[in-house]
């Protein structure tokens, strides 16, 4: 369970069982993850450093360190760092499956399927 690098930053898996998966996600300045949804899981995000912009079902909201947001199963969502410093948040996934294949991308800055 090492660091996984992505075009927008990186994540580290802290916990991975059949009940839940927990990641620390770091989003580089001016970067964002794909606009996506999941069929088999919901997520809870808690910001631990910086200010995170979140698009949740086309609504733009913000969370700072210590604040959380619930991402329901099937909800369209995106994590976005609109600042000049990295943003870190904890993602707790619960549901039926935590595989990366459960990501359905609607929009992606890096042309991933």
Protein backbone atom coordinates (compact mmCIF):
# COMPACT_ATOMS: atom_id res chain seq x y z
CA UNK A 1 0.00 0.00 0.00
CA UNK A 2 2.36 2.70 -1.25
CA UNK A 3 1.79 6.03 -2.90
CA UNK A 4 -0.15 5.95 -6.18
CA UNK A 5 0.69 8.89 -8.44
CA UNK A 6 -1.89 10.42 -10.77
CA UNK A 7 -1.73 13.43 -13.16
CA UNK A 8 -3.54 15.58 -10.53
CA UNK A 9 -1.47 14.48 -7.49
CA UNK A 10 -1.30 11.27 -5.46
CA UNK A 11 -3.05 9.06 -2.94
CA UNK A 12 -2.08 6.56 -0.27
CA UNK A 13 -4.38 3.76 0.88
CA UNK A 14 -4.41 3.61 4.70
CA UNK A 15 -7.05 0.90 5.17
CA UNK A 16 -8.53 -1.64 2.75
CA UNK A 17 -11.01 -4.30 3.89
CA UNK A 18 -14.33 -5.67 2.67
CA UNK A 19 -16.11 -3.07 4.85
CA UNK A 20 -14.25 0.12 3.85
CA UNK A 21 -11.33 1.69 2.04
CA UNK A 22 -9.59 4.78 3.43
CA UNK A 23 -7.25 7.00 1.39
CA UNK A 24 -5.27 10.18 1.95
CA UNK A 25 -5.56 12.14 -1.29
CA UNK A 26 -3.35 15.10 -2.23
CA UNK A 27 -4.42 17.36 -5.09
CA UNK A 28 -1.73 19.57 -6.58
CA UNK A 29 -2.34 23.32 -7.04
CA UNK A 30 -4.68 24.18 -9.94
CA UNK A 31 -5.46 20.48 -10.55
CA UNK A 32 -8.64 18.46 -10.37
CA UNK A 33 -9.83 14.88 -10.51
CA UNK A 34 -12.28 13.69 -13.12
CA UNK A 35 -15.98 14.49 -12.84
CA UNK A 36 -17.27 11.02 -12.00
CA UNK A 37 -19.69 8.79 -10.14
CA UNK A 38 -19.74 5.28 -8.68
CA UNK A 39 -22.30 2.48 -8.92
CA UNK A 40 -21.09 0.52 -5.89
CA UNK A 41 -19.87 2.96 -3.24
CA UNK A 42 -20.42 6.19 -1.38
CA UNK A 43 -17.66 8.40 0.00
CA UNK A 44 -17.06 10.75 2.91
CA UNK A 45 -14.36 13.39 2.41
CA UNK A 46 -12.69 15.29 5.26
CA UNK A 47 -10.21 18.03 4.38
CA UNK A 48 -7.04 17.94 6.49
CA UNK A 49 -5.00 20.66 4.75
CA UNK A 50 -5.93 23.56 2.48
CA UNK A 51 -9.23 24.43 0.83
CA UNK A 52 -10.97 21.96 -1.47
CA UNK A 53 -13.47 22.91 -4.14
CA UNK A 54 -16.05 20.19 -4.73
CA UNK A 55 -18.47 19.84 -7.60
CA UNK A 56 -21.38 17.70 -6.37
CA UNK A 57 -24.17 17.10 -8.89
CA UNK A 58 -23.24 20.34 -10.70
CA UNK A 59 -23.19 22.44 -7.50
CA UNK A 60 -19.89 24.07 -6.46
CA UNK A 61 -19.13 23.94 -2.73
CA UNK A 62 -16.02 24.48 -0.60
CA UNK A 63 -14.51 22.70 2.40
CA UNK A 64 -11.55 23.79 4.57
CA UNK A 65 -9.39 21.81 7.00
CA UNK A 66 -11.63 20.05 9.53
CA UNK A 67 -14.74 20.18 7.32
CA UNK A 68 -16.40 17.20 5.60
CA UNK A 69 -18.80 16.36 2.81
CA UNK A 70 -20.80 13.22 2.02
CA UNK A 71 -20.74 11.94 -1.58
CA UNK A 72 -23.78 9.64 -2.04
CA UNK A 73 -23.57 6.54 -4.22
CA UNK A 74 -24.38 7.56 -7.81
CA UNK A 75 -23.77 11.29 -7.20
CA UNK A 76 -21.64 13.07 -9.78
CA UNK A 77 -18.60 14.59 -8.08
CA UNK A 78 -15.18 16.14 -8.55
CA UNK A 79 -12.40 17.18 -6.18
CA UNK A 80 -10.71 20.37 -7.35
CA UNK A 81 -7.83 22.44 -6.01
CA UNK A 82 -8.32 26.01 -7.22
CA UNK A 83 -5.58 27.34 -4.90
CA UNK A 84 -1.81 27.75 -5.18
CA UNK A 85 -0.99 25.24 -2.42
CA UNK A 86 -1.62 21.49 -2.22
CA UNK A 87 -4.87 20.23 -0.68
CA UNK A 88 -5.09 17.02 1.35
CA UNK A 89 -8.22 15.14 2.31
CA UNK A 90 -9.22 11.79 3.77
CA UNK A 91 -11.62 9.71 1.67
CA UNK A 92 -13.62 6.96 3.37
CA UNK A 93 -15.34 4.63 0.92
CA UNK A 94 -18.17 2.33 2.01
CA UNK A 95 -20.43 0.11 -0.07
CA UNK A 96 -20.24 -3.04 -2.17
CA UNK A 97 -16.92 -2.51 -3.99
CA UNK A 98 -13.90 -0.19 -3.80
CA UNK A 99 -12.23 -1.10 -7.09
CA UNK A 100 -10.89 1.66 -9.34
CA UNK A 101 -13.02 0.09 -12.13
CA UNK A 102 -16.14 1.50 -10.39
CA UNK A 103 -15.15 4.99 -11.54
CA UNK A 104 -17.45 6.23 -14.32
CA UNK A 105 -15.78 9.34 -15.76
CA UNK A 106 -18.02 12.02 -17.23
CA UNK A 107 -15.24 14.59 -17.81
CA UNK A 108 -11.48 14.25 -17.48
CA UNK A 109 -8.70 16.80 -17.98
CA UNK A 110 -6.25 13.99 -18.80
CA UNK A 111 -8.31 12.09 -21.42
CA UNK A 112 -8.71 8.96 -19.31
CA UNK A 113 -11.67 6.69 -20.09
